[in-house]
Amino acid sequence: MKRFSNLIALASVALSLSGLAHGAETKAAKPDLAAGEAKATAVCSACHAIDGSRGLSANPILQGQHADYLVKQLMEFKEGKRKNAVMNGMAAPLTPEDMRNLAAFYASKKAPVGTAKNKDLVATGERIYRGGIAKKGVPACAGCHSPNGVGIPSQYPRLGGQHADYVKAQLVAFRQGERTNNAQMTAISANLSDKEIEALADYVAGLR
């Protein structure tokens, strides 16, 4: 009887290990870029262009953005942690697989090259981005988003080449408590003036 119980126990362990292995294999499955492109074309292209490139300045450039960061944002739109009437609705029907495929598709594209447009604000934007504002407790943006704006997945997005209008809108949203899915950015933005936000947004648009 004892031997039979031991065999049952070993079988249970083997099944558990098999399940774990299968789960790891599923998790490690590579995203399907073709499926991501098809979903992007059908669902996302109206606002973000077919390949996530420039599009309208009110919408973010997705081309070249970190896949991990894009998945995180899509999941938070779906869960309601990040509020946007359009994106909450768009993300709602997406499966985790859809999100991984979409993110991988956009991340596979070459990051855009943008330019700063306001020469009067470049110096201010550069100073804040690279050195922060000590008296306000604002850290250097480069510490998290890197000196050339490439960012660090999955918490810190690529900013280099991003639409200035979009960056400005997000900083204002963090400051006003309208965007609440990053406590660190809420605290930082709370100490930035309108002019400082405008200068930063314009400066990062030209980073490369």
N, C-alpha and C. Protein backbone atom coordinates (compact mmCIF):
# COMPACT_ATOMS: atom_id res chain seq x y z
N MET A 1 0.84 -1.21 0.00
CA MET A 1 0.00 0.00 0.00
C MET A 1 0.86 1.25 0.00
N LYS A 2 1.92 1.20 0.86
CA LYS A 2 2.83 2.34 0.95
C LYS A 2 3.52 2.59 -0.38
N ARG A 3 3.93 1.45 -1.04
CA ARG A 3 4.60 1.59 -2.33
C ARG A 3 3.66 2.20 -3.36
N PHE A 4 2.37 1.79 -3.32
CA PHE A 4 1.38 2.34 -4.25
C PHE A 4 1.20 3.84 -4.03
N SER A 5 1.20 4.26 -2.75
CA SER A 5 1.06 5.68 -2.42
C SER A 5 2.24 6.47 -2.93
N ASN A 6 3.43 5.87 -2.82
CA ASN A 6 4.64 6.55 -3.30
C ASN A 6 4.59 6.73 -4.81
N LEU A 7 4.09 5.69 -5.50
CA LEU A 7 3.98 5.79 -6.95
C LEU A 7 3.01 6.89 -7.36
N ILE A 8 1.89 6.99 -6.62
CA ILE A 8 0.91 8.04 -6.90
C ILE A 8 1.54 9.41 -6.69
N ALA A 9 2.31 9.54 -5.61
CA ALA A 9 2.97 10.81 -5.32
C ALA A 9 3.96 11.18 -6.40
N LEU A 10 4.74 10.20 -6.86
CA LEU A 10 5.71 10.47 -7.92
C LEU A 10 5.02 10.86 -9.21
N ALA A 11 3.92 10.21 -9.50
CA ALA A 11 3.18 10.55 -10.71
C ALA A 11 2.65 11.97 -10.65
N SER A 12 2.18 12.37 -9.46
CA SER A 12 1.66 13.73 -9.28
C SER A 12 2.76 14.75 -9.49
N VAL A 13 3.95 14.45 -8.95
CA VAL A 13 5.09 15.36 -9.12
C VAL A 13 5.46 15.47 -10.59
N ALA A 14 5.46 14.32 -11.27
CA ALA A 14 5.82 14.33 -12.70
C ALA A 14 4.83 15.16 -13.51
N LEU A 15 3.55 15.03 -13.19
CA LEU A 15 2.54 15.80 -13.90
C LEU A 15 2.70 17.29 -13.63
N SER A 16 3.02 17.63 -12.38
CA SER A 16 3.21 19.03 -12.03
C SER A 16 4.39 19.63 -12.78
N LEU A 17 5.49 18.87 -12.82
CA LEU A 17 6.68 19.34 -13.53
C LEU A 17 6.39 19.48 -15.02
N SER A 18 5.61 18.54 -15.55
CA SER A 18 5.26 18.62 -16.97
C SER A 18 4.44 19.86 -17.24
N GLY A 19 3.51 20.17 -16.32
CA GLY A 19 2.69 21.38 -16.48
C GLY A 19 3.53 22.63 -16.42
N LEU A 20 4.51 22.66 -15.50
CA LEU A 20 5.39 23.82 -15.39
C LEU A 20 6.22 23.99 -16.65
N ALA A 21 6.72 22.87 -17.17
CA ALA A 21 7.53 22.93 -18.39
C ALA A 21 6.71 23.44 -19.56
N HIS A 22 5.46 22.95 -19.64
CA HIS A 22 4.59 23.39 -20.73
C HIS A 22 4.29 24.88 -20.60
N GLY A 23 4.07 25.33 -19.34
CA GLY A 23 3.79 26.75 -19.12
C GLY A 23 4.97 27.61 -19.51
N ALA A 24 6.17 27.15 -19.16
CA ALA A 24 7.38 27.91 -19.50
C ALA A 24 7.56 27.96 -21.01
N GLU A 25 7.25 26.82 -21.66
CA GLU A 25 7.41 26.76 -23.11
C GLU A 25 6.43 27.72 -23.79
N THR A 26 5.17 27.75 -23.26
CA THR A 26 4.16 28.64 -23.82
C THR A 26 4.56 30.10 -23.62
N LYS A 27 5.05 30.39 -22.41
CA LYS A 27 5.46 31.76 -22.09
C LYS A 27 6.61 32.21 -22.98
N ALA A 28 7.48 31.28 -23.31
CA ALA A 28 8.67 31.62 -24.09
C ALA A 28 8.41 31.63 -25.60
N ALA A 29 7.19 31.29 -25.99
CA ALA A 29 6.86 31.25 -27.42
C ALA A 29 7.10 32.62 -28.05
N LYS A 30 7.71 32.62 -29.22
CA LYS A 30 8.04 33.87 -29.89
C LYS A 30 6.78 34.55 -30.42
N PRO A 31 6.74 35.88 -30.33
CA PRO A 31 5.59 36.60 -30.89
C PRO A 31 5.51 36.39 -32.40
N ASP A 32 4.32 36.49 -32.92
CA ASP A 32 4.07 36.32 -34.35
C ASP A 32 3.99 37.71 -34.98
N LEU A 33 5.05 38.11 -35.68
CA LEU A 33 5.10 39.45 -36.28
C LEU A 33 4.04 39.64 -37.35
N ALA A 34 3.77 38.59 -38.11
CA ALA A 34 2.75 38.68 -39.17
C ALA A 34 1.38 38.92 -38.55
N ALA A 35 1.09 38.20 -37.47
CA ALA A 35 -0.18 38.39 -36.78
C ALA A 35 -0.25 39.78 -36.18
N GLY A 36 0.88 40.24 -35.65
CA GLY A 36 0.93 41.59 -35.10
C GLY A 36 0.67 42.65 -36.15
N GLU A 37 1.25 42.46 -37.33
CA GLU A 37 1.04 43.41 -38.43
C GLU A 37 -0.42 43.41 -38.87
N ALA A 38 -1.01 42.23 -38.96
CA ALA A 38 -2.41 42.13 -39.37
C ALA A 38 -3.33 42.83 -38.38
N LYS A 39 -3.05 42.64 -37.09
CA LYS A 39 -3.86 43.29 -36.05
C LYS A 39 -3.63 44.80 -36.07
N ALA A 40 -2.40 45.21 -36.26
CA ALA A 40 -2.09 46.64 -36.31
C ALA A 40 -2.80 47.31 -37.48
N THR A 41 -2.80 46.63 -38.62
CA THR A 41 -3.45 47.18 -39.82
C THR A 41 -4.95 47.31 -39.62
N ALA A 42 -5.55 46.29 -38.99
CA ALA A 42 -7.00 46.26 -38.83
C ALA A 42 -7.49 47.17 -37.71
N VAL A 43 -6.69 47.30 -36.63
CA VAL A 43 -7.18 47.97 -35.43
C VAL A 43 -6.50 49.31 -35.13
N CYS A 44 -5.20 49.38 -35.39
CA CYS A 44 -4.42 50.52 -34.88
C CYS A 44 -4.04 51.57 -35.91
N SER A 45 -4.10 51.21 -37.18
CA SER A 45 -3.53 52.06 -38.22
C SER A 45 -4.21 53.42 -38.37
N ALA A 46 -5.49 53.51 -38.04
CA ALA A 46 -6.20 54.77 -38.22
C ALA A 46 -5.60 55.89 -37.38
N CYS A 47 -5.08 55.55 -36.21
CA CYS A 47 -4.51 56.58 -35.32
C CYS A 47 -2.98 56.58 -35.32
N HIS A 48 -2.38 55.42 -35.55
CA HIS A 48 -0.92 55.30 -35.41
C HIS A 48 -0.19 55.04 -36.72
N ALA A 49 -0.89 55.08 -37.84
CA ALA A 49 -0.33 54.73 -39.15
C ALA A 49 -0.06 53.22 -39.18
N ILE A 50 0.09 52.67 -40.36
CA ILE A 50 0.17 51.22 -40.51
C ILE A 50 1.34 50.62 -39.74
N ASP A 51 2.48 51.30 -39.75
CA ASP A 51 3.66 50.75 -39.08
C ASP A 51 3.97 51.44 -37.75
N GLY A 52 3.01 52.21 -37.23
CA GLY A 52 3.24 52.88 -35.95
C GLY A 52 4.15 54.08 -36.05
N SER A 53 4.31 54.61 -37.28
CA SER A 53 5.25 55.72 -37.47
C SER A 53 4.62 57.04 -37.05
N ARG A 54 4.80 58.08 -37.79
CA ARG A 54 4.52 59.40 -37.25
C ARG A 54 3.05 59.66 -36.93
N GLY A 55 2.13 59.48 -37.82
CA GLY A 55 0.73 59.69 -37.50
C GLY A 55 0.44 61.09 -36.98
N LEU A 56 -0.68 61.25 -36.29
CA LEU A 56 -1.04 62.53 -35.70
C LEU A 56 -0.20 62.82 -34.47
N SER A 57 0.15 64.10 -34.27
CA SER A 57 1.03 64.44 -33.16
C SER A 57 0.39 64.25 -31.80
N ALA A 58 -0.93 64.12 -31.75
CA ALA A 58 -1.62 63.89 -30.48
C ALA A 58 -1.51 62.42 -30.05
N ASN A 59 -1.11 61.55 -30.99
CA ASN A 59 -0.99 60.13 -30.70
C ASN A 59 0.49 59.73 -30.69
N PRO A 60 0.85 58.79 -29.83
CA PRO A 60 2.27 58.43 -29.73
C PRO A 60 2.80 57.69 -30.96
N ILE A 61 4.06 57.88 -31.24
CA ILE A 61 4.75 57.07 -32.25
C ILE A 61 5.08 55.73 -31.59
N LEU A 62 4.66 54.64 -32.19
CA LEU A 62 4.91 53.31 -31.63
C LEU A 62 6.11 52.63 -32.27
N GLN A 63 6.46 53.09 -33.43
CA GLN A 63 7.59 52.53 -34.20
C GLN A 63 8.87 52.56 -33.37
N GLY A 64 9.47 51.39 -33.15
CA GLY A 64 10.73 51.32 -32.42
C GLY A 64 10.59 51.38 -30.91
N GLN A 65 9.35 51.43 -30.41
CA GLN A 65 9.17 51.47 -28.95
C GLN A 65 9.44 50.08 -28.36
N HIS A 66 9.84 50.03 -27.09
CA HIS A 66 10.15 48.75 -26.45
C HIS A 66 8.91 47.86 -26.36
N ALA A 67 9.05 46.61 -26.75
CA ALA A 67 7.92 45.69 -26.73
C ALA A 67 7.37 45.51 -25.32
N ASP A 68 8.25 45.34 -24.34
CA ASP A 68 7.79 45.15 -22.96
C ASP A 68 6.97 46.35 -22.48
N TYR A 69 7.40 47.53 -22.84
CA TYR A 69 6.68 48.73 -22.42
C TYR A 69 5.31 48.79 -23.09
N LEU A 70 5.24 48.48 -24.37
CA LEU A 70 3.96 48.51 -25.09
C LEU A 70 2.98 47.49 -24.51
N VAL A 71 3.46 46.30 -24.19
CA VAL A 71 2.59 45.28 -23.58
C VAL A 71 2.06 45.79 -22.25
N LYS A 72 2.93 46.38 -21.46
CA LYS A 72 2.53 46.91 -20.15
C LYS A 72 1.43 47.96 -20.30
N GLN A 73 1.60 48.87 -21.24
CA GLN A 73 0.61 49.94 -21.43
C GLN A 73 -0.72 49.38 -21.94
N LEU A 74 -0.67 48.45 -22.88
CA LEU A 74 -1.89 47.85 -23.40
C LEU A 74 -2.64 47.11 -22.29
N MET A 75 -1.90 46.39 -21.46
CA MET A 75 -2.52 45.67 -20.36
C MET A 75 -3.17 46.64 -19.38
N GLU A 76 -2.50 47.76 -19.12
CA GLU A 76 -3.04 48.73 -18.16
C GLU A 76 -4.22 49.49 -18.74
N PHE A 77 -4.25 49.68 -20.06
CA PHE A 77 -5.45 50.24 -20.69
C PHE A 77 -6.61 49.24 -20.53
N LYS A 78 -6.33 47.98 -20.78
CA LYS A 78 -7.36 46.93 -20.70
C LYS A 78 -7.91 46.82 -19.28
N GLU A 79 -7.03 46.93 -18.29
CA GLU A 79 -7.43 46.79 -16.90
C GLU A 79 -7.97 48.09 -16.30
N GLY A 80 -7.88 49.19 -17.05
CA GLY A 80 -8.37 50.46 -16.56
C GLY A 80 -7.41 51.20 -15.64
N LYS A 81 -6.17 50.71 -15.53
CA LYS A 81 -5.18 51.40 -14.71
C LYS A 81 -4.68 52.68 -15.39
N ARG A 82 -4.75 52.68 -16.71
CA ARG A 82 -4.44 53.88 -17.47
C ARG A 82 -5.70 54.29 -18.22
N LYS A 83 -6.11 55.54 -18.05
CA LYS A 83 -7.40 55.98 -18.57
C LYS A 83 -7.25 56.71 -19.90
N ASN A 84 -7.97 56.25 -20.89
CA ASN A 84 -8.11 56.91 -22.17
C ASN A 84 -9.31 56.29 -22.86
N ALA A 85 -10.33 57.10 -23.11
CA ALA A 85 -11.59 56.57 -23.61
C ALA A 85 -11.41 55.72 -24.88
N VAL A 86 -10.55 56.19 -25.77
CA VAL A 86 -10.33 55.45 -27.01
C VAL A 86 -9.54 54.17 -26.76
N MET A 87 -8.41 54.31 -26.07
CA MET A 87 -7.53 53.15 -25.87
C MET A 87 -8.12 52.12 -24.92
N ASN A 88 -8.91 52.53 -23.95
CA ASN A 88 -9.56 51.56 -23.07
C ASN A 88 -10.47 50.65 -23.88
N GLY A 89 -11.18 51.25 -24.84
CA GLY A 89 -12.05 50.46 -25.70
C GLY A 89 -11.29 49.59 -26.67
N MET A 90 -10.20 50.12 -27.22
CA MET A 90 -9.39 49.37 -28.18
C MET A 90 -8.69 48.18 -27.53
N ALA A 91 -8.23 48.36 -26.31
CA ALA A 91 -7.47 47.30 -25.64
C ALA A 91 -8.38 46.22 -25.06
N ALA A 92 -9.63 46.57 -24.79
CA ALA A 92 -10.54 45.63 -24.12
C ALA A 92 -10.61 44.25 -24.78
N PRO A 93 -10.74 44.15 -26.11
CA PRO A 93 -10.86 42.82 -26.72
C PRO A 93 -9.52 42.13 -26.99
N LEU A 94 -8.42 42.81 -26.76
CA LEU A 94 -7.11 42.21 -27.08
C LEU A 94 -6.74 41.13 -26.07
N THR A 95 -6.26 40.02 -26.57
CA THR A 95 -5.75 38.96 -25.70
C THR A 95 -4.28 39.24 -25.39
N PRO A 96 -3.73 38.59 -24.36
CA PRO A 96 -2.29 38.76 -24.09
C PRO A 96 -1.43 38.43 -25.31
N GLU A 97 -1.86 37.43 -26.08
CA GLU A 97 -1.12 37.07 -27.30
C GLU A 97 -1.19 38.20 -28.32
N ASP A 98 -2.37 38.79 -28.49
CA ASP A 98 -2.51 39.93 -29.39
C ASP A 98 -1.54 41.04 -29.00
N MET A 99 -1.49 41.31 -27.71
CA MET A 99 -0.64 42.40 -27.22
C MET A 99 0.84 42.12 -27.49
N ARG A 100 1.25 40.88 -27.23
CA ARG A 100 2.65 40.52 -27.49
C ARG A 100 2.98 40.64 -28.98
N ASN A 101 2.05 40.19 -29.82
CA ASN A 101 2.28 40.25 -31.27
C ASN A 101 2.34 41.69 -31.76
N LEU A 102 1.41 42.51 -31.31
CA LEU A 102 1.40 43.93 -31.69
C LEU A 102 2.68 44.62 -31.24
N ALA A 103 3.03 44.40 -29.98
CA ALA A 103 4.22 45.06 -29.42
C ALA A 103 5.48 44.66 -30.16
N ALA A 104 5.59 43.37 -30.47
CA ALA A 104 6.77 42.88 -31.19
C ALA A 104 6.84 43.47 -32.59
N PHE A 105 5.68 43.60 -33.24
CA PHE A 105 5.64 44.17 -34.58
C PHE A 105 6.14 45.62 -34.57
N TYR A 106 5.62 46.44 -33.66
CA TYR A 106 6.04 47.84 -33.59
C TYR A 106 7.51 47.95 -33.17
N ALA A 107 7.93 47.11 -32.23
CA ALA A 107 9.31 47.16 -31.75
C ALA A 107 10.30 46.76 -32.83
N SER A 108 9.84 45.98 -33.81
CA SER A 108 10.75 45.51 -34.87
C SER A 108 11.06 46.62 -35.88
N LYS A 109 10.32 47.70 -35.82
CA LYS A 109 10.53 48.80 -36.77
C LYS A 109 11.64 49.73 -36.28
N LYS A 110 12.29 50.37 -37.20
CA LYS A 110 13.36 51.31 -36.86
C LYS A 110 12.78 52.53 -36.16
N ALA A 111 13.40 52.92 -35.06
CA ALA A 111 12.93 54.08 -34.30
C ALA A 111 13.01 55.34 -35.16
N PRO A 112 12.06 56.24 -35.01
CA PRO A 112 12.02 57.45 -35.84
C PRO A 112 13.10 58.46 -35.45
N VAL A 113 13.41 59.33 -36.36
CA VAL A 113 14.33 60.44 -36.09
C VAL A 113 13.52 61.72 -36.16
N GLY A 114 13.50 62.47 -35.08
CA GLY A 114 12.73 63.70 -35.04
C GLY A 114 13.64 64.90 -34.88
N THR A 115 13.05 66.06 -34.72
CA THR A 115 13.82 67.29 -34.53
C THR A 115 13.12 68.18 -33.52
N ALA A 116 13.93 68.90 -32.74
CA ALA A 116 13.39 69.94 -31.87
C ALA A 116 13.06 71.14 -32.75
N LYS A 117 11.98 71.83 -32.43
CA LYS A 117 11.53 72.92 -33.30
C LYS A 117 11.66 74.31 -32.68
N ASN A 118 11.73 74.37 -31.36
CA ASN A 118 11.78 75.68 -30.69
C ASN A 118 13.19 75.97 -30.20
N LYS A 119 13.95 76.72 -30.96
CA LYS A 119 15.35 76.98 -30.61
C LYS A 119 15.49 77.75 -29.31
N ASP A 120 14.45 78.49 -28.92
CA ASP A 120 14.51 79.28 -27.69
C ASP A 120 14.38 78.41 -26.44
N LEU A 121 13.89 77.18 -26.61
CA LEU A 121 13.68 76.30 -25.46
C LEU A 121 14.67 75.14 -25.38
N VAL A 122 15.50 74.99 -26.40
CA VAL A 122 16.42 73.84 -26.45
C VAL A 122 17.34 73.80 -25.24
N ALA A 123 17.92 74.92 -24.87
CA ALA A 123 18.86 74.96 -23.75
C ALA A 123 18.17 74.57 -22.44
N THR A 124 16.96 75.07 -22.25
CA THR A 124 16.22 74.73 -21.04
C THR A 124 15.87 73.25 -21.01
N GLY A 125 15.39 72.73 -22.13
CA GLY A 125 15.05 71.32 -22.22
C GLY A 125 16.25 70.42 -21.98
N GLU A 126 17.37 70.77 -22.57
CA GLU A 126 18.59 69.97 -22.39
C GLU A 126 19.06 69.99 -20.94
N ARG A 127 19.01 71.17 -20.32
CA ARG A 127 19.45 71.29 -18.93
C ARG A 127 18.62 70.40 -18.01
N ILE A 128 17.31 70.42 -18.18
CA ILE A 128 16.45 69.60 -17.33
C ILE A 128 16.63 68.12 -17.63
N TYR A 129 16.68 67.77 -18.91
CA TYR A 129 16.78 66.37 -19.30
C TYR A 129 18.08 65.75 -18.78
N ARG A 130 19.17 66.50 -18.87
CA ARG A 130 20.48 65.94 -18.50
C ARG A 130 20.86 66.19 -17.05
N GLY A 131 20.33 67.26 -16.46
CA GLY A 131 20.76 67.58 -15.09
C GLY A 131 19.65 67.71 -14.07
N GLY A 132 18.39 67.70 -14.52
CA GLY A 132 17.29 67.85 -13.59
C GLY A 132 17.18 69.28 -13.07
N ILE A 133 16.38 69.45 -12.03
CA ILE A 133 16.23 70.75 -11.36
C ILE A 133 16.36 70.48 -9.87
N ALA A 134 17.55 70.66 -9.35
CA ALA A 134 17.85 70.28 -7.96
C ALA A 134 16.94 70.97 -6.95
N LYS A 135 16.70 72.26 -7.11
CA LYS A 135 15.91 73.00 -6.13
C LYS A 135 14.44 72.58 -6.09
N LYS A 136 14.00 71.92 -7.14
CA LYS A 136 12.62 71.41 -7.19
C LYS A 136 12.54 69.91 -6.94
N GLY A 137 13.68 69.28 -6.77
CA GLY A 137 13.69 67.84 -6.57
C GLY A 137 13.36 67.05 -7.82
N VAL A 138 13.62 67.66 -8.97
CA VAL A 138 13.37 66.98 -10.24
C VAL A 138 14.65 66.30 -10.72
N PRO A 139 14.66 64.97 -10.83
CA PRO A 139 15.87 64.28 -11.27
C PRO A 139 16.09 64.42 -12.77
N ALA A 140 17.30 64.14 -13.20
CA ALA A 140 17.61 64.17 -14.64
C ALA A 140 16.83 63.08 -15.35
N CYS A 141 16.15 63.44 -16.42
CA CYS A 141 15.37 62.48 -17.20
C CYS A 141 16.28 61.39 -17.78
N ALA A 142 17.53 61.79 -18.09
CA ALA A 142 18.46 60.86 -18.72
C ALA A 142 18.77 59.67 -17.83
N GLY A 143 18.57 59.82 -16.52
CA GLY A 143 18.86 58.73 -15.60
C GLY A 143 17.99 57.50 -15.86
N CYS A 144 16.76 57.72 -16.30
CA CYS A 144 15.85 56.61 -16.58
C CYS A 144 15.62 56.38 -18.07
N HIS A 145 15.64 57.48 -18.82
CA HIS A 145 15.34 57.36 -20.25
C HIS A 145 16.59 57.33 -21.11
N SER A 146 17.76 57.36 -20.46
CA SER A 146 19.08 57.32 -21.07
C SER A 146 19.43 58.64 -21.76
N PRO A 147 20.72 58.95 -21.89
CA PRO A 147 21.14 60.24 -22.47
C PRO A 147 20.60 60.50 -23.88
N ASN A 148 20.45 59.46 -24.67
CA ASN A 148 19.96 59.67 -26.05
C ASN A 148 18.49 59.31 -26.21
N GLY A 149 17.79 59.12 -25.07
CA GLY A 149 16.35 58.91 -25.12
C GLY A 149 15.87 57.54 -25.51
N VAL A 150 16.75 56.53 -25.48
CA VAL A 150 16.31 55.19 -25.91
C VAL A 150 15.50 54.48 -24.84
N GLY A 151 15.56 54.93 -23.58
CA GLY A 151 14.77 54.34 -22.52
C GLY A 151 15.27 53.00 -22.04
N ILE A 152 14.54 52.44 -21.06
CA ILE A 152 14.89 51.15 -20.48
C ILE A 152 13.60 50.35 -20.34
N PRO A 153 13.43 49.25 -21.07
CA PRO A 153 12.20 48.48 -20.94
C PRO A 153 12.13 47.85 -19.54
N SER A 154 10.94 47.58 -18.97
CA SER A 154 9.65 47.94 -19.53
C SER A 154 9.07 49.20 -18.89
N GLN A 155 9.76 49.72 -17.90
CA GLN A 155 9.25 50.87 -17.17
C GLN A 155 9.45 52.20 -17.88
N TYR A 156 10.56 52.34 -18.61
CA TYR A 156 10.92 53.64 -19.15
C TYR A 156 10.93 53.61 -20.68
N PRO A 157 9.97 54.28 -21.29
CA PRO A 157 9.84 54.21 -22.76
C PRO A 157 10.91 54.98 -23.50
N ARG A 158 11.08 54.64 -24.75
CA ARG A 158 11.91 55.42 -25.66
C ARG A 158 11.21 56.77 -25.86
N LEU A 159 11.97 57.86 -25.66
CA LEU A 159 11.43 59.21 -25.85
C LEU A 159 12.01 59.87 -27.10
N GLY A 160 13.20 59.50 -27.47
CA GLY A 160 13.87 60.12 -28.61
C GLY A 160 13.04 60.02 -29.88
N GLY A 161 12.73 61.17 -30.49
CA GLY A 161 11.98 61.19 -31.74
C GLY A 161 10.47 61.19 -31.55
N GLN A 162 10.01 61.10 -30.29
CA GLN A 162 8.57 61.08 -30.02
C GLN A 162 7.95 62.44 -30.32
N HIS A 163 6.67 62.46 -30.67
CA HIS A 163 5.97 63.72 -30.90
C HIS A 163 6.05 64.62 -29.66
N ALA A 164 6.48 65.85 -29.84
CA ALA A 164 6.54 66.79 -28.72
C ALA A 164 5.15 67.03 -28.13
N ASP A 165 4.15 67.13 -28.98
CA ASP A 165 2.79 67.37 -28.49
C ASP A 165 2.31 66.23 -27.59
N TYR A 166 2.66 65.01 -27.96
CA TYR A 166 2.24 63.86 -27.16
C TYR A 166 2.97 63.84 -25.82
N VAL A 167 4.29 64.07 -25.84
CA VAL A 167 5.06 64.08 -24.60
C VAL A 167 4.54 65.17 -23.66
N LYS A 168 4.29 66.34 -24.21
CA LYS A 168 3.76 67.44 -23.42
C LYS A 168 2.43 67.05 -22.78
N ALA A 169 1.55 66.47 -23.56
CA ALA A 169 0.23 66.08 -23.06
C ALA A 169 0.33 65.05 -21.93
N GLN A 170 1.27 64.12 -22.05
CA GLN A 170 1.42 63.10 -21.01
C GLN A 170 2.00 63.68 -19.72
N LEU A 171 2.95 64.59 -19.84
CA LEU A 171 3.52 65.23 -18.65
C LEU A 171 2.45 66.04 -17.93
N VAL A 172 1.63 66.74 -18.70
CA VAL A 172 0.54 67.51 -18.10
C VAL A 172 -0.47 66.57 -17.44
N ALA A 173 -0.77 65.47 -18.10
CA ALA A 173 -1.72 64.50 -17.54
C ALA A 173 -1.20 63.91 -16.24
N PHE A 174 0.09 63.61 -16.18
CA PHE A 174 0.69 63.12 -14.93
C PHE A 174 0.58 64.21 -13.85
N ARG A 175 0.89 65.42 -14.21
CA ARG A 175 0.89 66.53 -13.25
C ARG A 175 -0.51 66.77 -12.68
N GLN A 176 -1.52 66.65 -13.52
CA GLN A 176 -2.88 66.94 -13.10
C GLN A 176 -3.61 65.73 -12.51
N GLY A 177 -2.90 64.60 -12.46
CA GLY A 177 -3.52 63.41 -11.89
C GLY A 177 -4.48 62.70 -12.82
N GLU A 178 -4.43 63.04 -14.10
CA GLU A 178 -5.30 62.39 -15.08
C GLU A 178 -4.71 61.06 -15.56
N ARG A 179 -3.39 60.97 -15.51
CA ARG A 179 -2.72 59.71 -15.80
C ARG A 179 -2.06 59.25 -14.52
N THR A 180 -2.42 58.05 -14.08
CA THR A 180 -2.01 57.61 -12.74
C THR A 180 -1.28 56.27 -12.71
N ASN A 181 -0.77 55.83 -13.85
CA ASN A 181 -0.15 54.50 -13.88
C ASN A 181 1.36 54.52 -13.68
N ASN A 182 1.88 55.64 -13.18
CA ASN A 182 3.31 55.70 -12.85
C ASN A 182 3.51 56.75 -11.76
N ALA A 183 3.63 56.29 -10.51
CA ALA A 183 3.73 57.20 -9.37
C ALA A 183 4.97 58.10 -9.46
N GLN A 184 6.06 57.56 -9.99
CA GLN A 184 7.30 58.32 -10.12
C GLN A 184 7.10 59.51 -11.05
N MET A 185 6.45 59.29 -12.18
CA MET A 185 6.24 60.38 -13.12
C MET A 185 5.21 61.40 -12.60
N THR A 186 4.27 60.94 -11.82
CA THR A 186 3.32 61.86 -11.21
C THR A 186 4.04 62.83 -10.28
N ALA A 187 4.95 62.28 -9.46
CA ALA A 187 5.70 63.11 -8.51
C ALA A 187 6.63 64.09 -9.23
N ILE A 188 7.28 63.64 -10.28
CA ILE A 188 8.21 64.50 -11.01
C ILE A 188 7.46 65.61 -11.74
N SER A 189 6.40 65.25 -12.43
CA SER A 189 5.65 66.23 -13.22
C SER A 189 5.00 67.29 -12.35
N ALA A 190 4.69 66.94 -11.11
CA ALA A 190 4.05 67.89 -10.20
C ALA A 190 4.93 69.12 -9.96
N ASN A 191 6.23 68.98 -10.18
CA ASN A 191 7.17 70.07 -9.93
C ASN A 191 7.65 70.78 -11.19
N LEU A 192 7.02 70.48 -12.31
CA LEU A 192 7.41 71.11 -13.57
C LEU A 192 6.40 72.18 -13.97
N SER A 193 6.92 73.33 -14.40
CA SER A 193 6.05 74.40 -14.87
C SER A 193 5.64 74.12 -16.32
N ASP A 194 4.69 74.90 -16.82
CA ASP A 194 4.26 74.74 -18.21
C ASP A 194 5.43 74.93 -19.17
N LYS A 195 6.25 75.95 -18.90
CA LYS A 195 7.38 76.23 -19.79
C LYS A 195 8.41 75.11 -19.74
N GLU A 196 8.66 74.56 -18.55
CA GLU A 196 9.63 73.47 -18.42
C GLU A 196 9.12 72.21 -19.14
N ILE A 197 7.84 71.94 -19.05
CA ILE A 197 7.26 70.79 -19.75
C ILE A 197 7.37 70.98 -21.26
N GLU A 198 7.07 72.17 -21.72
CA GLU A 198 7.16 72.46 -23.15
C GLU A 198 8.59 72.31 -23.65
N ALA A 199 9.54 72.81 -22.86
CA ALA A 199 10.95 72.72 -23.24
C ALA A 199 11.42 71.27 -23.30
N LEU A 200 11.05 70.48 -22.32
CA LEU A 200 11.42 69.07 -22.29
C LEU A 200 10.84 68.31 -23.47
N ALA A 201 9.55 68.54 -23.72
CA ALA A 201 8.87 67.82 -24.80
C ALA A 201 9.51 68.13 -26.14
N ASP A 202 9.85 69.38 -26.36
CA ASP A 202 10.45 69.75 -27.63
C ASP A 202 11.87 69.18 -27.73
N TYR A 203 12.60 69.20 -26.62
CA TYR A 203 13.97 68.70 -26.63
C TYR A 203 14.04 67.20 -26.95
N VAL A 204 13.17 66.40 -26.29
CA VAL A 204 13.26 64.94 -26.50
C VAL A 204 12.84 64.56 -27.92
N ALA A 205 12.04 65.40 -28.56
CA ALA A 205 11.64 65.11 -29.94
C ALA A 205 12.85 65.05 -30.86
N GLY A 206 13.91 65.75 -30.50
CA GLY A 206 15.11 65.78 -31.34
C GLY A 206 16.21 64.84 -30.89
N LEU A 207 15.99 64.11 -29.80
CA LEU A 207 17.03 63.19 -29.33
C LEU A 207 17.19 62.02 -30.29
N ARG A 208 18.43 61.58 -30.44
CA ARG A 208 18.70 60.42 -31.31
C ARG A 208 19.99 59.74 -30.90
